[in-house]
Amino acid sequence: MGTEPLTQSLAALAEGLRLLLEGLSVATVLLGLLASLRSQLGRSARRRAEGIARLTDLRLSFGSWLCLALEFQLGADIVATTTSPSRDHLIQLAVVAVIRTVLNVFLARDLEAERPSAAGAAAAGAQP
């Protein structure tokens, strides 16, 4: 009994899942952009004097969405490699995974460093 139909079904499933994950990644970036801008536009109507703090809040909000999008992209790359685990594909996955992981780590570290200063700026702005 051949495994060809099973292999083709697995490849089709993996391709569909890869496309879904890549679509989720793009949708996450778009949703994050819209949510971050909406949040900042609502705030700018209430308080215009905090230009730098607003920009930091925008970076923090959008950066969080970008971290999530990177996770979806990495998942898509892992799924794509499952159906064609050749040496070249594995090397490509490793390089992409390292690049995306490094970007994600530095972005998360930057976000964590900015959160206390953004909270402090918001608290200082709230006091008369």
N, C-alpha and C. Protein backbone atom coordinates (compact mmCIF):
# COMPACT_ATOMS: atom_id res chain seq x y z
N MET A 1 0.85 -1.18 0.00
CA MET A 1 0.00 0.00 0.00
C MET A 1 0.89 1.24 0.00
N GLY A 2 0.65 2.14 -0.96
CA GLY A 2 1.50 3.32 -1.12
C GLY A 2 1.12 4.43 -0.16
N THR A 3 2.08 5.22 0.13
CA THR A 3 1.85 6.35 1.02
C THR A 3 1.71 7.65 0.24
N GLU A 4 1.68 7.55 -1.08
CA GLU A 4 1.59 8.75 -1.92
C GLU A 4 0.34 9.59 -1.64
N PRO A 5 -0.86 9.02 -1.53
CA PRO A 5 -2.03 9.85 -1.21
C PRO A 5 -1.92 10.54 0.15
N LEU A 6 -1.37 9.83 1.12
CA LEU A 6 -1.20 10.41 2.45
C LEU A 6 -0.19 11.56 2.41
N THR A 7 0.88 11.37 1.67
CA THR A 7 1.90 12.40 1.54
C THR A 7 1.32 13.63 0.85
N GLN A 8 0.52 13.41 -0.19
CA GLN A 8 -0.10 14.54 -0.89
C GLN A 8 -1.09 15.27 0.01
N SER A 9 -1.85 14.52 0.80
CA SER A 9 -2.80 15.14 1.72
C SER A 9 -2.07 15.98 2.78
N LEU A 10 -0.98 15.43 3.30
CA LEU A 10 -0.19 16.16 4.29
C LEU A 10 0.41 17.43 3.68
N ALA A 11 0.89 17.34 2.46
CA ALA A 11 1.47 18.51 1.78
C ALA A 11 0.39 19.58 1.56
N ALA A 12 -0.80 19.15 1.16
CA ALA A 12 -1.89 20.11 0.94
C ALA A 12 -2.31 20.77 2.26
N LEU A 13 -2.39 19.97 3.32
CA LEU A 13 -2.74 20.50 4.64
C LEU A 13 -1.67 21.49 5.12
N ALA A 14 -0.41 21.13 4.96
CA ALA A 14 0.68 22.01 5.38
C ALA A 14 0.67 23.31 4.58
N GLU A 15 0.40 23.22 3.30
CA GLU A 15 0.36 24.43 2.47
C GLU A 15 -0.79 25.34 2.90
N GLY A 16 -1.95 24.74 3.17
CA GLY A 16 -3.08 25.54 3.64
C GLY A 16 -2.80 26.20 4.98
N LEU A 17 -2.18 25.46 5.89
CA LEU A 17 -1.84 26.00 7.20
C LEU A 17 -0.80 27.12 7.09
N ARG A 18 0.18 26.92 6.20
CA ARG A 18 1.20 27.95 5.97
C ARG A 18 0.56 29.24 5.47
N LEU A 19 -0.35 29.10 4.50
CA LEU A 19 -1.04 30.29 3.97
C LEU A 19 -1.89 30.97 5.04
N LEU A 20 -2.54 30.16 5.87
CA LEU A 20 -3.35 30.72 6.96
C LEU A 20 -2.47 31.50 7.94
N LEU A 21 -1.34 30.92 8.32
CA LEU A 21 -0.45 31.59 9.27
C LEU A 21 0.14 32.87 8.68
N GLU A 22 0.50 32.84 7.40
CA GLU A 22 1.02 34.04 6.76
C GLU A 22 -0.06 35.11 6.65
N GLY A 23 -1.29 34.69 6.37
CA GLY A 23 -2.41 35.63 6.33
C GLY A 23 -2.68 36.25 7.69
N LEU A 24 -2.60 35.41 8.74
CA LEU A 24 -2.77 35.92 10.10
C LEU A 24 -1.68 36.93 10.45
N SER A 25 -0.49 36.68 9.98
CA SER A 25 0.61 37.61 10.24
C SER A 25 0.35 38.96 9.60
N VAL A 26 -0.06 38.96 8.35
CA VAL A 26 -0.37 40.22 7.66
C VAL A 26 -1.55 40.91 8.32
N ALA A 27 -2.59 40.14 8.65
CA ALA A 27 -3.76 40.72 9.32
C ALA A 27 -3.39 41.30 10.68
N THR A 28 -2.47 40.64 11.39
CA THR A 28 -2.04 41.13 12.70
C THR A 28 -1.34 42.47 12.57
N VAL A 29 -0.48 42.61 11.57
CA VAL A 29 0.21 43.89 11.36
C VAL A 29 -0.80 44.98 11.03
N LEU A 30 -1.73 44.69 10.15
CA LEU A 30 -2.75 45.68 9.78
C LEU A 30 -3.63 46.04 10.97
N LEU A 31 -4.09 45.03 11.69
CA LEU A 31 -4.93 45.28 12.86
C LEU A 31 -4.16 46.07 13.92
N GLY A 32 -2.91 45.71 14.13
CA GLY A 32 -2.07 46.43 15.08
C GLY A 32 -1.87 47.88 14.70
N LEU A 33 -1.67 48.12 13.42
CA LEU A 33 -1.51 49.50 12.94
C LEU A 33 -2.78 50.30 13.19
N LEU A 34 -3.90 49.72 12.82
CA LEU A 34 -5.18 50.42 13.00
C LEU A 34 -5.50 50.64 14.47
N ALA A 35 -5.29 49.62 15.30
CA ALA A 35 -5.58 49.75 16.73
C ALA A 35 -4.66 50.77 17.39
N SER A 36 -3.39 50.77 17.01
CA SER A 36 -2.44 51.72 17.60
C SER A 36 -2.77 53.14 17.18
N LEU A 37 -3.07 53.32 15.91
CA LEU A 37 -3.41 54.67 15.44
C LEU A 37 -4.71 55.15 16.06
N ARG A 38 -5.70 54.28 16.16
CA ARG A 38 -6.98 54.66 16.76
C ARG A 38 -6.79 55.07 18.22
N SER A 39 -5.99 54.30 18.92
CA SER A 39 -5.72 54.61 20.32
C SER A 39 -5.03 55.97 20.45
N GLN A 40 -4.08 56.24 19.60
CA GLN A 40 -3.34 57.50 19.68
C GLN A 40 -4.19 58.68 19.22
N LEU A 41 -5.04 58.49 18.23
CA LEU A 41 -5.90 59.59 17.79
C LEU A 41 -6.89 59.97 18.88
N GLY A 42 -7.40 58.98 19.61
CA GLY A 42 -8.30 59.26 20.72
C GLY A 42 -7.60 60.00 21.84
N ARG A 43 -6.36 59.65 22.08
CA ARG A 43 -5.60 60.32 23.13
C ARG A 43 -5.20 61.73 22.72
N SER A 44 -4.89 61.92 21.45
CA SER A 44 -4.41 63.24 21.02
C SER A 44 -5.51 64.28 21.16
N ALA A 45 -6.76 63.86 21.06
CA ALA A 45 -7.85 64.81 21.23
C ALA A 45 -7.95 65.26 22.68
N ARG A 46 -7.54 64.40 23.62
CA ARG A 46 -7.64 64.72 25.04
C ARG A 46 -6.43 65.45 25.57
N ARG A 47 -5.25 65.12 25.07
CA ARG A 47 -4.05 65.76 25.62
C ARG A 47 -3.00 65.92 24.53
N ARG A 48 -2.78 67.13 24.16
CA ARG A 48 -1.87 67.43 23.06
C ARG A 48 -0.44 67.73 23.52
N ALA A 49 -0.22 67.99 24.78
CA ALA A 49 1.09 68.43 25.24
C ALA A 49 2.10 67.30 25.38
N GLU A 50 1.69 66.07 25.32
CA GLU A 50 2.60 64.95 25.55
C GLU A 50 3.04 64.30 24.24
N GLY A 51 3.69 65.05 23.37
CA GLY A 51 4.08 64.55 22.05
C GLY A 51 4.99 63.34 22.11
N ILE A 52 6.05 63.40 22.90
CA ILE A 52 7.00 62.28 22.99
C ILE A 52 6.35 61.08 23.66
N ALA A 53 5.60 61.31 24.72
CA ALA A 53 4.94 60.20 25.42
C ALA A 53 3.95 59.51 24.49
N ARG A 54 3.24 60.27 23.68
CA ARG A 54 2.29 59.66 22.74
C ARG A 54 3.02 58.81 21.71
N LEU A 55 4.15 59.31 21.23
CA LEU A 55 4.93 58.55 20.25
C LEU A 55 5.45 57.25 20.87
N THR A 56 5.90 57.31 22.09
CA THR A 56 6.37 56.11 22.80
C THR A 56 5.23 55.12 22.98
N ASP A 57 4.06 55.61 23.35
CA ASP A 57 2.90 54.72 23.49
C ASP A 57 2.56 54.05 22.16
N LEU A 58 2.64 54.81 21.08
CA LEU A 58 2.38 54.25 19.75
C LEU A 58 3.38 53.15 19.42
N ARG A 59 4.66 53.41 19.69
CA ARG A 59 5.69 52.40 19.44
C ARG A 59 5.45 51.15 20.27
N LEU A 60 5.10 51.32 21.52
CA LEU A 60 4.86 50.17 22.39
C LEU A 60 3.68 49.34 21.91
N SER A 61 2.61 50.02 21.55
CA SER A 61 1.41 49.32 21.10
C SER A 61 1.68 48.57 19.79
N PHE A 62 2.24 49.27 18.83
CA PHE A 62 2.48 48.64 17.53
C PHE A 62 3.56 47.58 17.62
N GLY A 63 4.57 47.80 18.46
CA GLY A 63 5.62 46.81 18.63
C GLY A 63 5.10 45.49 19.18
N SER A 64 4.13 45.56 20.07
CA SER A 64 3.53 44.34 20.61
C SER A 64 2.83 43.55 19.50
N TRP A 65 2.15 44.25 18.63
CA TRP A 65 1.49 43.59 17.50
C TRP A 65 2.51 42.98 16.56
N LEU A 66 3.63 43.67 16.34
CA LEU A 66 4.67 43.14 15.46
C LEU A 66 5.27 41.86 16.03
N CYS A 67 5.45 41.79 17.34
CA CYS A 67 5.95 40.56 17.97
C CYS A 67 5.03 39.38 17.67
N LEU A 68 3.75 39.61 17.79
CA LEU A 68 2.78 38.54 17.49
C LEU A 68 2.85 38.14 16.02
N ALA A 69 2.96 39.11 15.13
CA ALA A 69 3.05 38.81 13.69
C ALA A 69 4.31 38.00 13.38
N LEU A 70 5.42 38.30 14.04
CA LEU A 70 6.65 37.53 13.83
C LEU A 70 6.47 36.08 14.26
N GLU A 71 5.73 35.86 15.32
CA GLU A 71 5.47 34.49 15.77
C GLU A 71 4.67 33.71 14.72
N PHE A 72 3.67 34.35 14.13
CA PHE A 72 2.89 33.70 13.07
C PHE A 72 3.78 33.38 11.87
N GLN A 73 4.67 34.30 11.51
CA GLN A 73 5.57 34.07 10.37
C GLN A 73 6.50 32.90 10.64
N LEU A 74 7.03 32.83 11.83
CA LEU A 74 7.92 31.72 12.17
C LEU A 74 7.17 30.39 12.12
N GLY A 75 5.94 30.38 12.62
CA GLY A 75 5.13 29.17 12.53
C GLY A 75 4.88 28.76 11.09
N ALA A 76 4.64 29.73 10.22
CA ALA A 76 4.42 29.44 8.80
C ALA A 76 5.66 28.81 8.18
N ASP A 77 6.82 29.33 8.55
CA ASP A 77 8.07 28.77 8.00
C ASP A 77 8.32 27.35 8.50
N ILE A 78 7.99 27.10 9.75
CA ILE A 78 8.16 25.74 10.30
C ILE A 78 7.23 24.77 9.58
N VAL A 79 5.99 25.16 9.38
CA VAL A 79 5.04 24.29 8.69
C VAL A 79 5.48 24.03 7.25
N ALA A 80 5.97 25.05 6.57
CA ALA A 80 6.41 24.89 5.18
C ALA A 80 7.58 23.91 5.08
N THR A 81 8.42 23.87 6.08
CA THR A 81 9.58 22.98 6.05
C THR A 81 9.21 21.53 6.34
N THR A 82 8.08 21.29 6.98
CA THR A 82 7.71 19.91 7.33
C THR A 82 7.47 19.04 6.11
N THR A 83 7.01 19.63 5.02
CA THR A 83 6.71 18.82 3.84
C THR A 83 7.90 18.68 2.90
N SER A 84 8.92 19.51 3.07
CA SER A 84 10.10 19.40 2.21
C SER A 84 11.36 19.62 3.06
N PRO A 85 11.68 18.65 3.90
CA PRO A 85 12.81 18.84 4.82
C PRO A 85 14.18 18.57 4.18
N SER A 86 14.42 19.14 3.03
CA SER A 86 15.74 18.98 2.42
C SER A 86 16.76 19.82 3.20
N ARG A 87 18.00 19.55 2.93
CA ARG A 87 19.05 20.29 3.63
C ARG A 87 18.96 21.77 3.34
N ASP A 88 18.69 22.12 2.09
CA ASP A 88 18.58 23.54 1.73
C ASP A 88 17.41 24.21 2.46
N HIS A 89 16.27 23.52 2.53
CA HIS A 89 15.11 24.09 3.22
C HIS A 89 15.36 24.23 4.72
N LEU A 90 16.04 23.25 5.30
CA LEU A 90 16.35 23.32 6.72
C LEU A 90 17.32 24.46 7.03
N ILE A 91 18.30 24.66 6.17
CA ILE A 91 19.23 25.78 6.35
C ILE A 91 18.50 27.11 6.21
N GLN A 92 17.62 27.19 5.22
CA GLN A 92 16.84 28.42 5.03
C GLN A 92 15.95 28.68 6.25
N LEU A 93 15.31 27.63 6.78
CA LEU A 93 14.47 27.79 7.97
C LEU A 93 15.31 28.25 9.16
N ALA A 94 16.48 27.67 9.31
CA ALA A 94 17.34 28.05 10.43
C ALA A 94 17.74 29.51 10.35
N VAL A 95 18.11 29.96 9.17
CA VAL A 95 18.52 31.36 9.00
C VAL A 95 17.34 32.29 9.27
N VAL A 96 16.19 31.97 8.70
CA VAL A 96 15.00 32.81 8.91
C VAL A 96 14.59 32.80 10.37
N ALA A 97 14.64 31.63 11.01
CA ALA A 97 14.26 31.53 12.42
C ALA A 97 15.19 32.36 13.29
N VAL A 98 16.48 32.31 13.01
CA VAL A 98 17.44 33.08 13.81
C VAL A 98 17.19 34.58 13.62
N ILE A 99 17.01 35.00 12.39
CA ILE A 99 16.78 36.43 12.12
C ILE A 99 15.50 36.89 12.81
N ARG A 100 14.42 36.15 12.64
CA ARG A 100 13.14 36.55 13.25
C ARG A 100 13.20 36.49 14.77
N THR A 101 13.88 35.50 15.30
CA THR A 101 13.99 35.39 16.75
C THR A 101 14.81 36.55 17.32
N VAL A 102 15.91 36.89 16.67
CA VAL A 102 16.72 38.02 17.12
C VAL A 102 15.91 39.31 17.05
N LEU A 103 15.20 39.51 15.95
CA LEU A 103 14.35 40.70 15.85
C LEU A 103 13.31 40.73 16.96
N ASN A 104 12.69 39.60 17.21
CA ASN A 104 11.66 39.52 18.23
C ASN A 104 12.23 39.77 19.63
N VAL A 105 13.40 39.22 19.92
CA VAL A 105 14.03 39.41 21.23
C VAL A 105 14.37 40.89 21.44
N PHE A 106 14.98 41.52 20.44
CA PHE A 106 15.35 42.92 20.60
C PHE A 106 14.12 43.83 20.67
N LEU A 107 13.10 43.48 19.90
CA LEU A 107 11.87 44.27 19.95
C LEU A 107 11.21 44.12 21.31
N ALA A 108 11.15 42.90 21.84
CA ALA A 108 10.55 42.68 23.15
C ALA A 108 11.36 43.38 24.24
N ARG A 109 12.68 43.34 24.13
CA ARG A 109 13.54 44.00 25.12
C ARG A 109 13.33 45.51 25.06
N ASP A 110 13.22 46.04 23.86
CA ASP A 110 12.97 47.48 23.69
C ASP A 110 11.62 47.86 24.29
N LEU A 111 10.62 47.03 24.06
CA LEU A 111 9.29 47.30 24.60
C LEU A 111 9.31 47.28 26.12
N GLU A 112 10.00 46.31 26.70
CA GLU A 112 10.07 46.22 28.16
C GLU A 112 10.82 47.42 28.75
N ALA A 113 11.85 47.89 28.06
CA ALA A 113 12.61 49.04 28.55
C ALA A 113 11.77 50.32 28.48
N GLU A 114 10.91 50.41 27.48
CA GLU A 114 10.10 51.62 27.29
C GLU A 114 8.88 51.66 28.21
N ARG A 115 8.35 50.52 28.60
CA ARG A 115 7.13 50.49 29.41
C ARG A 115 7.27 51.26 30.73
N PRO A 116 8.34 51.04 31.51
CA PRO A 116 8.43 51.82 32.76
C PRO A 116 8.54 53.33 32.52
N SER A 117 9.28 53.73 31.49
CA SER A 117 9.41 55.17 31.24
C SER A 117 8.10 55.74 30.72
N ALA A 118 7.34 54.97 29.96
CA ALA A 118 6.04 55.44 29.47
C ALA A 118 5.06 55.55 30.63
N ALA A 119 5.11 54.60 31.55
CA ALA A 119 4.22 54.65 32.72
C ALA A 119 4.57 55.83 33.59
N GLY A 120 5.85 56.11 33.76
CA GLY A 120 6.28 57.24 34.56
C GLY A 120 5.87 58.56 33.93
N ALA A 121 5.98 58.65 32.61
CA ALA A 121 5.58 59.87 31.91
C ALA A 121 4.08 60.09 32.01
N ALA A 122 3.31 59.02 31.92
CA ALA A 122 1.85 59.14 32.04
C ALA A 122 1.45 59.59 33.45
N ALA A 123 2.15 59.04 34.45
CA ALA A 123 1.85 59.42 35.83
C ALA A 123 2.23 60.87 36.09
N ALA A 124 3.34 61.30 35.52
CA ALA A 124 3.77 62.69 35.70
C ALA A 124 2.82 63.65 35.01
N GLY A 125 2.30 63.21 33.85
CA GLY A 125 1.35 64.06 33.12
C GLY A 125 0.00 64.15 33.80
N ALA A 126 -0.34 63.17 34.62
CA ALA A 126 -1.64 63.15 35.28
C ALA A 126 -1.65 64.04 36.52
N GLN A 127 -0.47 64.32 37.06
CA GLN A 127 -0.41 65.14 38.26
C GLN A 127 -0.41 66.62 37.89
N PRO A 128 -1.16 67.46 38.62
CA PRO A 128 -1.21 68.88 38.29
C PRO A 128 0.04 69.61 38.69
